[in-house]
Every structure is written in C-alpha cells, then in structure tokens.
Amino acid sequence: YNNERTDEALQEILDGSYYRVNDEDNVLIGFFCIGANAKV
C-alpha cells in the first residue's frame, strides 16, 4: 500500500474524491476516497 509522491498521485488525491480524517489534536489519522478512485 506504499505510495510514491508523483505529480499524478498528487493530482488524484486532490481531485475532490479524497477526504482526510484528523483527531481532536488535528493529527492526521487516515484518509478515504469515494467513487472511481476507490476501485482497482
């Protein structure tokens, strides 16, 4: 599940289908996406 930081990967994760999940201290706990990007 490791990723590489590429322009393509960054463009996908910022396309509006991804969300970040933070805790009460604003620490990034995880993320999720909905739609086509969630499919293999």
PDB file of all heavy atoms in Angstrom:
ATOM      1  N   TYR A   1       0.799  -1.224   0.000  1.00  0.00           N
ATOM      2  CA  TYR A   1       0.000   0.000   0.000  1.00  0.00           C
ATOM      3  C   TYR A   1       0.835   1.280   0.000  1.00  0.00           C
ATOM      4  O   TYR A   1       0.277   2.372   0.021  1.00  0.00           O
ATOM      5  CB  TYR A   1      -0.944   0.015   1.211  1.00  0.00           C
ATOM      6  CG  TYR A   1      -1.957  -1.104   1.176  1.00  0.00           C
ATOM      7  CD1 TYR A   1      -1.843  -2.203   2.014  1.00  0.00           C
ATOM      8  CD2 TYR A   1      -3.031  -1.067   0.293  1.00  0.00           C
ATOM      9  CE1 TYR A   1      -2.776  -3.227   1.979  1.00  0.00           C
ATOM     10  CE2 TYR A   1      -3.970  -2.085   0.249  1.00  0.00           C
ATOM     11  CZ  TYR A   1      -3.832  -3.165   1.096  1.00  0.00           C
ATOM     12  OH  TYR A   1      -4.751  -4.178   1.051  1.00  0.00           O
ATOM     13  N   ASN A   2       2.158   1.142  -0.001  1.00  0.00           N
ATOM     14  CA  ASN A   2       3.007   2.337  -0.046  1.00  0.00           C
ATOM     15  C   ASN A   2       2.808   3.075  -1.358  1.00  0.00           C
ATOM     16  O   ASN A   2       2.586   2.459  -2.405  1.00  0.00           O
ATOM     17  CB  ASN A   2       4.488   1.964   0.104  1.00  0.00           C
ATOM     18  CG  ASN A   2       4.824   1.460   1.495  1.00  0.00           C
ATOM     19  OD1 ASN A   2       4.013   1.532   2.411  1.00  0.00           O
ATOM     20  ND2 ASN A   2       6.019   0.931   1.645  1.00  0.00           N
ATOM     21  N   ASN A   3       2.869   4.380  -1.301  1.00  0.00           N
ATOM     22  CA  ASN A   3       2.723   5.222  -2.486  1.00  0.00           C
ATOM     23  C   ASN A   3       4.028   5.943  -2.784  1.00  0.00           C
ATOM     24  O   ASN A   3       4.942   5.954  -1.967  1.00  0.00           O
ATOM     25  CB  ASN A   3       1.634   6.288  -2.256  1.00  0.00           C
ATOM     26  CG  ASN A   3       0.258   5.688  -2.213  1.00  0.00           C
ATOM     27  OD1 ASN A   3      -0.206   5.139  -3.196  1.00  0.00           O
ATOM     28  ND2 ASN A   3      -0.403   5.793  -1.071  1.00  0.00           N
ATOM     29  N   GLU A   4       4.066   6.536  -3.938  1.00  0.00           N
ATOM     30  CA  GLU A   4       5.161   7.436  -4.291  1.00  0.00           C
ATOM     31  C   GLU A   4       4.563   8.800  -4.528  1.00  0.00           C
ATOM     32  O   GLU A   4       3.466   8.917  -5.074  1.00  0.00           O
ATOM     33  CB  GLU A   4       5.837   6.979  -5.587  1.00  0.00           C
ATOM     34  CG  GLU A   4       6.868   5.911  -5.411  1.00  0.00           C
ATOM     35  CD  GLU A   4       7.578   5.643  -6.721  1.00  0.00           C
ATOM     36  OE1 GLU A   4       8.086   6.594  -7.346  1.00  0.00           O
ATOM     37  OE2 GLU A   4       7.603   4.460  -7.117  1.00  0.00           O
ATOM     38  N   ARG A   5       5.292   9.828  -4.135  1.00  0.00           N
ATOM     39  CA  ARG A   5       4.804  11.180  -4.379  1.00  0.00           C
ATOM     40  C   ARG A   5       5.176  11.565  -5.805  1.00  0.00           C
ATOM     41  O   ARG A   5       6.300  11.920  -6.102  1.00  0.00           O
ATOM     42  CB  ARG A   5       5.395  12.175  -3.389  1.00  0.00           C
ATOM     43  CG  ARG A   5       4.682  13.509  -3.461  1.00  0.00           C
ATOM     44  CD  ARG A   5       5.418  14.614  -2.730  1.00  0.00           C
ATOM     45  NE  ARG A   5       4.729  15.868  -2.863  1.00  0.00           N
ATOM     46  CZ  ARG A   5       4.640  16.573  -3.991  1.00  0.00           C
ATOM     47  NH1 ARG A   5       5.197  16.139  -5.104  1.00  0.00           N
ATOM     48  NH2 ARG A   5       3.994  17.719  -4.025  1.00  0.00           N
ATOM     49  N   THR A   6       4.199  11.446  -6.679  1.00  0.00           N
ATOM     50  CA  THR A   6       4.374  11.853  -8.072  1.00  0.00           C
ATOM     51  C   THR A   6       3.322  12.921  -8.369  1.00  0.00           C
ATOM     52  O   THR A   6       2.349  13.073  -7.618  1.00  0.00           O
ATOM     53  CB  THR A   6       4.170  10.673  -9.041  1.00  0.00           C
ATOM     54  OG1 THR A   6       2.805  10.223  -8.926  1.00  0.00           O
ATOM     55  CG2 THR A   6       5.130   9.525  -8.741  1.00  0.00           C
ATOM     56  N   ASP A   7       3.512  13.648  -9.454  1.00  0.00           N
ATOM     57  CA  ASP A   7       2.513  14.647  -9.848  1.00  0.00           C
ATOM     58  C   ASP A   7       1.157  13.983 -10.089  1.00  0.00           C
ATOM     59  O   ASP A   7       0.116  14.517  -9.715  1.00  0.00           O
ATOM     60  CB  ASP A   7       2.962  15.398 -11.105  1.00  0.00           C
ATOM     61  CG  ASP A   7       4.125  16.338 -10.835  1.00  0.00           C
ATOM     62  OD1 ASP A   7       4.362  16.670  -9.654  1.00  0.00           O
ATOM     63  OD2 ASP A   7       4.796  16.738 -11.804  1.00  0.00           O
ATOM     64  N   GLU A   8       1.181  12.797 -10.698  1.00  0.00           N
ATOM     65  CA  GLU A   8      -0.054  12.073 -10.987  1.00  0.00           C
ATOM     66  C   GLU A   8      -0.763  11.656  -9.695  1.00  0.00           C
ATOM     67  O   GLU A   8      -1.976  11.820  -9.558  1.00  0.00           O
ATOM     68  CB  GLU A   8       0.249  10.841 -11.837  1.00  0.00           C
ATOM     69  CG  GLU A   8      -0.978  10.060 -12.238  1.00  0.00           C
ATOM     70  CD  GLU A   8      -0.621   8.838 -13.081  1.00  0.00           C
ATOM     71  OE1 GLU A   8       0.437   8.824 -13.729  1.00  0.00           O
ATOM     72  OE2 GLU A   8      -1.432   7.891 -13.075  1.00  0.00           O
ATOM     73  N   ALA A   9       0.004  11.144  -8.728  1.00  0.00           N
ATOM     74  CA  ALA A   9      -0.585  10.727  -7.450  1.00  0.00           C
ATOM     75  C   ALA A   9      -1.155  11.931  -6.707  1.00  0.00           C
ATOM     76  O   ALA A   9      -2.253  11.869  -6.144  1.00  0.00           O
ATOM     77  CB  ALA A   9       0.454  10.015  -6.590  1.00  0.00           C
ATOM     78  N   LEU A  10      -0.434  13.027  -6.725  1.00  0.00           N
ATOM     79  CA  LEU A  10      -0.897  14.246  -6.066  1.00  0.00           C
ATOM     80  C   LEU A  10      -2.158  14.788  -6.734  1.00  0.00           C
ATOM     81  O   LEU A  10      -3.112  15.182  -6.058  1.00  0.00           O
ATOM     82  CB  LEU A  10       0.214  15.293  -6.073  1.00  0.00           C
ATOM     83  CG  LEU A  10       0.013  16.517  -5.195  1.00  0.00           C
ATOM     84  CD1 LEU A  10      -0.172  16.121  -3.732  1.00  0.00           C
ATOM     85  CD2 LEU A  10       1.207  17.453  -5.337  1.00  0.00           C
ATOM     86  N   GLN A  11      -2.191  14.744  -8.040  1.00  0.00           N
ATOM     87  CA  GLN A  11      -3.360  15.217  -8.779  1.00  0.00           C
ATOM     88  C   GLN A  11      -4.587  14.369  -8.426  1.00  0.00           C
ATOM     89  O   GLN A  11      -5.676  14.905  -8.223  1.00  0.00           O
ATOM     90  CB  GLN A  11      -3.078  15.155 -10.284  1.00  0.00           C
ATOM     91  CG  GLN A  11      -4.187  15.705 -11.140  1.00  0.00           C
ATOM     92  CD  GLN A  11      -3.812  15.677 -12.620  1.00  0.00           C
ATOM     93  OE1 GLN A  11      -2.699  15.355 -13.008  1.00  0.00           O
ATOM     94  NE2 GLN A  11      -4.779  16.008 -13.459  1.00  0.00           N
ATOM     95  N   GLU A  12      -4.416  13.055  -8.341  1.00  0.00           N
ATOM     96  CA  GLU A  12      -5.548  12.185  -7.994  1.00  0.00           C
ATOM     97  C   GLU A  12      -6.056  12.483  -6.593  1.00  0.00           C
ATOM     98  O   GLU A  12      -7.260  12.645  -6.378  1.00  0.00           O
ATOM     99  CB  GLU A  12      -5.153  10.708  -8.073  1.00  0.00           C
ATOM    100  CG  GLU A  12      -6.283   9.787  -7.621  1.00  0.00           C
ATOM    101  CD  GLU A  12      -5.901   8.322  -7.577  1.00  0.00           C
ATOM    102  OE1 GLU A  12      -5.213   7.847  -8.496  1.00  0.00           O
ATOM    103  OE2 GLU A  12      -6.313   7.654  -6.607  1.00  0.00           O
ATOM    104  N   ILE A  13      -5.167  12.556  -5.636  1.00  0.00           N
ATOM    105  CA  ILE A  13      -5.582  12.706  -4.240  1.00  0.00           C
ATOM    106  C   ILE A  13      -6.208  14.081  -3.959  1.00  0.00           C
ATOM    107  O   ILE A  13      -6.937  14.258  -3.000  1.00  0.00           O
ATOM    108  CB  ILE A  13      -4.407  12.388  -3.288  1.00  0.00           C
ATOM    109  CG1 ILE A  13      -4.909  11.958  -1.913  1.00  0.00           C
ATOM    110  CG2 ILE A  13      -3.440  13.537  -3.194  1.00  0.00           C
ATOM    111  CD1 ILE A  13      -3.836  11.364  -1.032  1.00  0.00           C
ATOM    112  N   LEU A  14      -5.956  15.027  -4.856  1.00  0.00           N
ATOM    113  CA  LEU A  14      -6.526  16.365  -4.703  1.00  0.00           C
ATOM    114  C   LEU A  14      -7.701  16.618  -5.656  1.00  0.00           C
ATOM    115  O   LEU A  14      -8.145  17.758  -5.800  1.00  0.00           O
ATOM    116  CB  LEU A  14      -5.444  17.430  -4.918  1.00  0.00           C
ATOM    117  CG  LEU A  14      -4.379  17.518  -3.818  1.00  0.00           C
ATOM    118  CD1 LEU A  14      -3.251  18.452  -4.229  1.00  0.00           C
ATOM    119  CD2 LEU A  14      -5.002  17.947  -2.498  1.00  0.00           C
ATOM    120  N   ASP A  15      -8.249  15.554  -6.261  1.00  0.00           N
ATOM    121  CA  ASP A  15      -9.296  15.745  -7.276  1.00  0.00           C
ATOM    122  C   ASP A  15     -10.702  15.939  -6.706  1.00  0.00           C
ATOM    123  O   ASP A  15     -11.676  16.044  -7.444  1.00  0.00           O
ATOM    124  CB  ASP A  15      -9.288  14.586  -8.278  1.00  0.00           C
ATOM    125  CG  ASP A  15      -9.856  13.284  -7.715  1.00  0.00           C
ATOM    126  OD1 ASP A  15     -10.251  13.231  -6.531  1.00  0.00           O
ATOM    127  OD2 ASP A  15      -9.912  12.302  -8.484  1.00  0.00           O
ATOM    128  N   GLY A  16     -10.833  15.956  -5.383  1.00  0.00           N
ATOM    129  CA  GLY A  16     -12.136  16.168  -4.757  1.00  0.00           C
ATOM    130  C   GLY A  16     -12.803  14.913  -4.236  1.00  0.00           C
ATOM    131  O   GLY A  16     -13.807  14.994  -3.525  1.00  0.00           O
ATOM    132  N   SER A  17     -12.275  13.742  -4.562  1.00  0.00           N
ATOM    133  CA  SER A  17     -12.877  12.489  -4.100  1.00  0.00           C
ATOM    134  C   SER A  17     -12.241  11.972  -2.809  1.00  0.00           C
ATOM    135  O   SER A  17     -12.715  10.995  -2.240  1.00  0.00           O
ATOM    136  CB  SER A  17     -12.782  11.408  -5.184  1.00  0.00           C
ATOM    137  OG  SER A  17     -11.435  11.041  -5.412  1.00  0.00           O
ATOM    138  N   TYR A  18     -11.192  12.629  -2.349  1.00  0.00           N
ATOM    139  CA  TYR A  18     -10.465  12.208  -1.143  1.00  0.00           C
ATOM    140  C   TYR A  18     -10.768  13.137   0.030  1.00  0.00           C
ATOM    141  O   TYR A  18     -10.922  14.352  -0.146  1.00  0.00           O
ATOM    142  CB  TYR A  18      -8.957  12.219  -1.389  1.00  0.00           C
ATOM    143  CG  TYR A  18      -8.439  11.041  -2.148  1.00  0.00           C
ATOM    144  CD1 TYR A  18      -8.577  10.961  -3.528  1.00  0.00           C
ATOM    145  CD2 TYR A  18      -7.787   9.997  -1.499  1.00  0.00           C
ATOM    146  CE1 TYR A  18      -8.090   9.877  -4.247  1.00  0.00           C
ATOM    147  CE2 TYR A  18      -7.293   8.907  -2.205  1.00  0.00           C
ATOM    148  CZ  TYR A  18      -7.451   8.859  -3.570  1.00  0.00           C
ATOM    149  OH  TYR A  18      -6.974   7.781  -4.270  1.00  0.00           O
ATOM    150  N   TYR A  19     -10.782  12.532   1.218  1.00  0.00           N
ATOM    151  CA  TYR A  19     -11.004  13.259   2.466  1.00  0.00           C
ATOM    152  C   TYR A  19      -9.932  12.849   3.459  1.00  0.00           C
ATOM    153  O   TYR A  19      -9.449  11.716   3.429  1.00  0.00           O
ATOM    154  CB  TYR A  19     -12.379  12.921   3.052  1.00  0.00           C
ATOM    155  CG  TYR A  19     -13.516  13.314   2.153  1.00  0.00           C
ATOM    156  CD1 TYR A  19     -13.917  12.479   1.105  1.00  0.00           C
ATOM    157  CD2 TYR A  19     -14.185  14.512   2.340  1.00  0.00           C
ATOM    158  CE1 TYR A  19     -14.960  12.839   0.267  1.00  0.00           C
ATOM    159  CE2 TYR A  19     -15.234  14.883   1.501  1.00  0.00           C
ATOM    160  CZ  TYR A  19     -15.613  14.043   0.471  1.00  0.00           C
ATOM    161  OH  TYR A  19     -16.635  14.403  -0.367  1.00  0.00           O
ATOM    162  N   ARG A  20      -9.603  13.750   4.334  1.00  0.00           N
ATOM    163  CA  ARG A  20      -8.658  13.422   5.404  1.00  0.00           C
ATOM    164  C   ARG A  20      -9.428  13.300   6.712  1.00  0.00           C
ATOM    165  O   ARG A  20     -10.465  13.929   6.896  1.00  0.00           O
ATOM    166  CB  ARG A  20      -7.558  14.474   5.501  1.00  0.00           C
ATOM    167  CG  ARG A  20      -8.002  15.845   5.900  1.00  0.00           C
ATOM    168  CD  ARG A  20      -6.856  16.866   5.739  1.00  0.00           C
ATOM    169  NE  ARG A  20      -7.067  18.068   6.505  1.00  0.00           N
ATOM    170  CZ  ARG A  20      -7.782  19.113   6.102  1.00  0.00           C
ATOM    171  NH1 ARG A  20      -8.361  19.103   4.924  1.00  0.00           N
ATOM    172  NH2 ARG A  20      -7.906  20.173   6.876  1.00  0.00           N
ATOM    173  N   VAL A  21      -8.914  12.452   7.602  1.00  0.00           N
ATOM    174  CA  VAL A  21      -9.537  12.232   8.902  1.00  0.00           C
ATOM    175  C   VAL A  21      -8.498  12.579   9.963  1.00  0.00           C
ATOM    176  O   VAL A  21      -7.435  11.969  10.017  1.00  0.00           O
ATOM    177  CB  VAL A  21     -10.016  10.773   9.063  1.00  0.00           C
ATOM    178  CG1 VAL A  21     -10.701  10.581  10.410  1.00  0.00           C
ATOM    179  CG2 VAL A  21     -10.946  10.371   7.913  1.00  0.00           C
ATOM    180  N   ASN A  22      -8.844  13.581  10.774  1.00  0.00           N
ATOM    181  CA  ASN A  22      -7.946  14.044  11.827  1.00  0.00           C
ATOM    182  C   ASN A  22      -8.566  13.756  13.189  1.00  0.00           C
ATOM    183  O   ASN A  22      -9.785  13.639  13.310  1.00  0.00           O
ATOM    184  CB  ASN A  22      -7.706  15.552  11.701  1.00  0.00           C
ATOM    185  CG  ASN A  22      -6.975  15.915  10.439  1.00  0.00           C
ATOM    186  OD1 ASN A  22      -7.527  15.830   9.345  1.00  0.00           O
ATOM    187  ND2 ASN A  22      -5.740  16.313  10.560  1.00  0.00           N
ATOM    188  N   ASP A  23      -7.707  13.689  14.219  1.00  0.00           N
ATOM    189  CA  ASP A  23      -8.227  13.551  15.575  1.00  0.00           C
ATOM    190  C   ASP A  23      -8.436  14.933  16.183  1.00  0.00           C
ATOM    191  O   ASP A  23      -8.258  15.956  15.505  1.00  0.00           O
ATOM    192  CB  ASP A  23      -7.323  12.656  16.431  1.00  0.00           C
ATOM    193  CG  ASP A  23      -5.970  13.285  16.774  1.00  0.00           C
ATOM    194  OD1 ASP A  23      -5.737  14.483  16.468  1.00  0.00           O
ATOM    195  OD2 ASP A  23      -5.146  12.577  17.382  1.00  0.00           O
ATOM    196  N   GLU A  24      -8.814  14.943  17.457  1.00  0.00           N
ATOM    197  CA  GLU A  24      -9.121  16.202  18.121  1.00  0.00           C
ATOM    198  C   GLU A  24      -7.915  17.138  18.226  1.00  0.00           C
ATOM    199  O   GLU A  24      -8.074  18.350  18.403  1.00  0.00           O
ATOM    200  CB  GLU A  24      -9.728  15.952  19.517  1.00  0.00           C
ATOM    201  CG  GLU A  24      -8.797  15.257  20.497  1.00  0.00           C
ATOM    202  CD  GLU A  24      -8.832  13.726  20.414  1.00  0.00           C
ATOM    203  OE1 GLU A  24      -9.508  13.172  19.529  1.00  0.00           O
ATOM    204  OE2 GLU A  24      -8.161  13.084  21.242  1.00  0.00           O
ATOM    205  N   ASP A  25      -6.711  16.598  18.107  1.00  0.00           N
ATOM    206  CA  ASP A  25      -5.490  17.415  18.141  1.00  0.00           C
ATOM    207  C   ASP A  25      -5.015  17.769  16.737  1.00  0.00           C
ATOM    208  O   ASP A  25      -3.883  18.221  16.556  1.00  0.00           O
ATOM    209  CB  ASP A  25      -4.382  16.679  18.901  1.00  0.00           C
ATOM    210  CG  ASP A  25      -4.754  16.448  20.358  1.00  0.00           C
ATOM    211  OD1 ASP A  25      -5.369  17.353  20.963  1.00  0.00           O
ATOM    212  OD2 ASP A  25      -4.449  15.358  20.886  1.00  0.00           O
ATOM    213  N   ASN A  26      -5.855  17.515  15.739  1.00  0.00           N
ATOM    214  CA  ASN A  26      -5.574  17.792  14.334  1.00  0.00           C
ATOM    215  C   ASN A  26      -4.444  16.923  13.762  1.00  0.00           C
ATOM    216  O   ASN A  26      -3.788  17.292  12.789  1.00  0.00           O
ATOM    217  CB  ASN A  26      -5.282  19.282  14.093  1.00  0.00           C
ATOM    218  CG  ASN A  26      -5.648  19.693  12.687  1.00  0.00           C
ATOM    219  OD1 ASN A  26      -6.583  19.163  12.095  1.00  0.00           O
ATOM    220  ND2 ASN A  26      -4.893  20.629  12.131  1.00  0.00           N
ATOM    221  N   VAL A  27      -4.230  15.757  14.382  1.00  0.00           N
ATOM    222  CA  VAL A  27      -3.257  14.795  13.870  1.00  0.00           C
ATOM    223  C   VAL A  27      -3.936  13.994  12.766  1.00  0.00           C
ATOM    224  O   VAL A  27      -5.078  13.537  12.926  1.00  0.00           O
ATOM    225  CB  VAL A  27      -2.759  13.864  14.995  1.00  0.00           C
ATOM    226  CG1 VAL A  27      -1.870  12.756  14.434  1.00  0.00           C
ATOM    227  CG2 VAL A  27      -2.027  14.661  16.060  1.00  0.00           C
ATOM    228  N   LEU A  28      -3.247  13.804  11.657  1.00  0.00           N
ATOM    229  CA  LEU A  28      -3.789  13.054  10.523  1.00  0.00           C
ATOM    230  C   LEU A  28      -3.805  11.560  10.851  1.00  0.00           C
ATOM    231  O   LEU A  28      -2.757  10.927  10.941  1.00  0.00           O
ATOM    232  CB  LEU A  28      -2.948  13.331   9.276  1.00  0.00           C
ATOM    233  CG  LEU A  28      -3.387  12.656   7.982  1.00  0.00           C
ATOM    234  CD1 LEU A  28      -4.786  13.127   7.570  1.00  0.00           C
ATOM    235  CD2 LEU A  28      -2.374  12.958   6.877  1.00  0.00           C
ATOM    236  N   ILE A  29      -5.008  11.020  11.034  1.00  0.00           N
ATOM    237  CA  ILE A  29      -5.184   9.611  11.392  1.00  0.00           C
ATOM    238  C   ILE A  29      -5.284   8.744  10.144  1.00  0.00           C
ATOM    239  O   ILE A  29      -4.820   7.614  10.107  1.00  0.00           O
ATOM    240  CB  ILE A  29      -6.454   9.424  12.250  1.00  0.00           C
ATOM    241  CG1 ILE A  29      -6.381  10.285  13.509  1.00  0.00           C
ATOM    242  CG2 ILE A  29      -6.689   7.965  12.593  1.00  0.00           C
ATOM    243  CD1 ILE A  29      -5.221   9.962  14.416  1.00  0.00           C
ATOM    244  N   GLY A  30      -5.923   9.280   9.097  1.00  0.00           N
ATOM    245  CA  GLY A  30      -6.100   8.498   7.882  1.00  0.00           C
ATOM    246  C   GLY A  30      -6.813   9.307   6.822  1.00  0.00           C
ATOM    247  O   GLY A  30      -6.969  10.523   6.941  1.00  0.00           O
ATOM    248  N   PHE A  31      -7.238   8.585   5.795  1.00  0.00           N
ATOM    249  CA  PHE A  31      -7.933   9.212   4.682  1.00  0.00           C
ATOM    250  C   PHE A  31      -8.915   8.211   4.106  1.00  0.00           C
ATOM    251  O   PHE A  31      -8.869   7.023   4.413  1.00  0.00           O
ATOM    252  CB  PHE A  31      -6.949   9.674   3.598  1.00  0.00           C
ATOM    253  CG  PHE A  31      -6.302   8.536   2.864  1.00  0.00           C
ATOM    254  CD1 PHE A  31      -6.856   8.040   1.685  1.00  0.00           C
ATOM    255  CD2 PHE A  31      -5.154   7.928   3.351  1.00  0.00           C
ATOM    256  CE1 PHE A  31      -6.271   6.972   1.013  1.00  0.00           C
ATOM    257  CE2 PHE A  31      -4.565   6.874   2.691  1.00  0.00           C
ATOM    258  CZ  PHE A  31      -5.124   6.392   1.514  1.00  0.00           C
ATOM    259  N   PHE A  32      -9.800   8.712   3.263  1.00  0.00           N
ATOM    260  CA  PHE A  32     -10.655   7.821   2.485  1.00  0.00           C
ATOM    261  C   PHE A  32     -11.019   8.522   1.188  1.00  0.00           C
ATOM    262  O   PHE A  32     -10.874   9.738   1.054  1.00  0.00           O
ATOM    263  CB  PHE A  32     -11.901   7.386   3.264  1.00  0.00           C
ATOM    264  CG  PHE A  32     -12.895   8.467   3.555  1.00  0.00           C
ATOM    265  CD1 PHE A  32     -14.008   8.667   2.746  1.00  0.00           C
ATOM    266  CD2 PHE A  32     -12.732   9.297   4.655  1.00  0.00           C
ATOM    267  CE1 PHE A  32     -14.929   9.655   3.026  1.00  0.00           C
ATOM    268  CE2 PHE A  32     -13.652  10.290   4.949  1.00  0.00           C
ATOM    269  CZ  PHE A  32     -14.753  10.473   4.132  1.00  0.00           C
ATOM    270  N   CYS A  33     -11.450   7.726   0.227  1.00  0.00           N
ATOM    271  CA  CYS A  33     -11.929   8.280  -1.030  1.00  0.00           C
ATOM    272  C   CYS A  33     -13.229   7.577  -1.389  1.00  0.00           C
ATOM    273  O   CYS A  33     -13.526   6.496  -0.891  1.00  0.00           O
ATOM    274  CB  CYS A  33     -10.892   8.156  -2.144  1.00  0.00           C
ATOM    275  SG  CYS A  33     -10.448   6.489  -2.604  1.00  0.00           S
ATOM    276  N   ILE A  34     -13.983   8.249  -2.232  1.00  0.00           N
ATOM    277  CA  ILE A  34     -15.277   7.742  -2.667  1.00  0.00           C
ATOM    278  C   ILE A  34     -15.307   7.782  -4.189  1.00  0.00           C
ATOM    279  O   ILE A  34     -14.826   8.740  -4.794  1.00  0.00           O
ATOM    280  CB  ILE A  34     -16.424   8.618  -2.110  1.00  0.00           C
ATOM    281  CG1 ILE A  34     -16.408   8.615  -0.577  1.00  0.00           C
ATOM    282  CG2 ILE A  34     -17.781   8.145  -2.618  1.00  0.00           C
ATOM    283  CD1 ILE A  34     -17.357   9.612   0.048  1.00  0.00           C
ATOM    284  N   GLY A  35     -15.865   6.736  -4.792  1.00  0.00           N
ATOM    285  CA  GLY A  35     -16.048   6.745  -6.235  1.00  0.00           C
ATOM    286  C   GLY A  35     -14.985   5.975  -6.986  1.00  0.00           C
ATOM    287  O   GLY A  35     -14.416   5.004  -6.479  1.00  0.00           O
ATOM    288  N   ALA A  36     -14.699   6.420  -8.201  1.00  0.00           N
ATOM    289  CA  ALA A  36     -13.811   5.702  -9.112  1.00  0.00           C
ATOM    290  C   ALA A  36     -12.424   5.466  -8.523  1.00  0.00           C
ATOM    291  O   ALA A  36     -11.817   4.413  -8.753  1.00  0.00           O
ATOM    292  CB  ALA A  36     -13.695   6.449 -10.436  1.00  0.00           C
ATOM    293  N   ASN A  37     -11.903   6.420  -7.749  1.00  0.00           N
ATOM    294  CA  ASN A  37     -10.564   6.252  -7.183  1.00  0.00           C
ATOM    295  C   ASN A  37     -10.505   5.175  -6.099  1.00  0.00           C
ATOM    296  O   ASN A  37      -9.424   4.744  -5.713  1.00  0.00           O
ATOM    297  CB  ASN A  37     -10.046   7.581  -6.633  1.00  0.00           C
ATOM    298  CG  ASN A  37      -9.692   8.541  -7.743  1.00  0.00           C
ATOM    299  OD1 ASN A  37      -9.308   8.131  -8.833  1.00  0.00           O
ATOM    300  ND2 ASN A  37      -9.821   9.828  -7.484  1.00  0.00           N
ATOM    301  N   ALA A  38     -11.657   4.742  -5.617  1.00  0.00           N
ATOM    302  CA  ALA A  38     -11.702   3.677  -4.619  1.00  0.00           C
ATOM    303  C   ALA A  38     -11.679   2.288  -5.263  1.00  0.00           C
ATOM    304  O   ALA A  38     -11.595   1.284  -4.569  1.00  0.00           O
ATOM    305  CB  ALA A  38     -12.953   3.832  -3.758  1.00  0.00           C
ATOM    306  N   LYS A  39     -11.751   2.245  -6.571  1.00  0.00           N
ATOM    307  CA  LYS A  39     -11.781   0.972  -7.292  1.00  0.00           C
ATOM    308  C   LYS A  39     -10.389   0.599  -7.794  1.00  0.00           C
ATOM    309  O   LYS A  39      -9.577   1.462  -8.084  1.00  0.00           O
ATOM    310  CB  LYS A  39     -12.716   1.074  -8.503  1.00  0.00           C
ATOM    311  CG  LYS A  39     -14.151   1.397  -8.159  1.00  0.00           C
ATOM    312  CD  LYS A  39     -14.975   1.601  -9.423  1.00  0.00           C
ATOM    313  CE  LYS A  39     -16.394   2.002  -9.113  1.00  0.00           C
ATOM    314  NZ  LYS A  39     -17.176   2.229 -10.352  1.00  0.00           N
ATOM    315  N   VAL A  40     -10.156  -0.706  -7.905  1.00  0.00           N
ATOM    316  CA  VAL A  40      -8.962  -1.203  -8.583  1.00  0.00           C
ATOM    317  C   VAL A  40      -9.344  -1.275 -10.064  1.00  0.00           C
ATOM    318  O   VAL A  40     -10.246  -2.037 -10.425  1.00  0.00           O
ATOM    319  CB  VAL A  40      -8.544  -2.592  -8.048  1.00  0.00           C
ATOM    320  CG1 VAL A  40      -7.389  -3.161  -8.851  1.00  0.00           C
ATOM    321  CG2 VAL A  40      -8.203  -2.498  -6.563  1.00  0.00           C
TER     322      VAL A  40
END
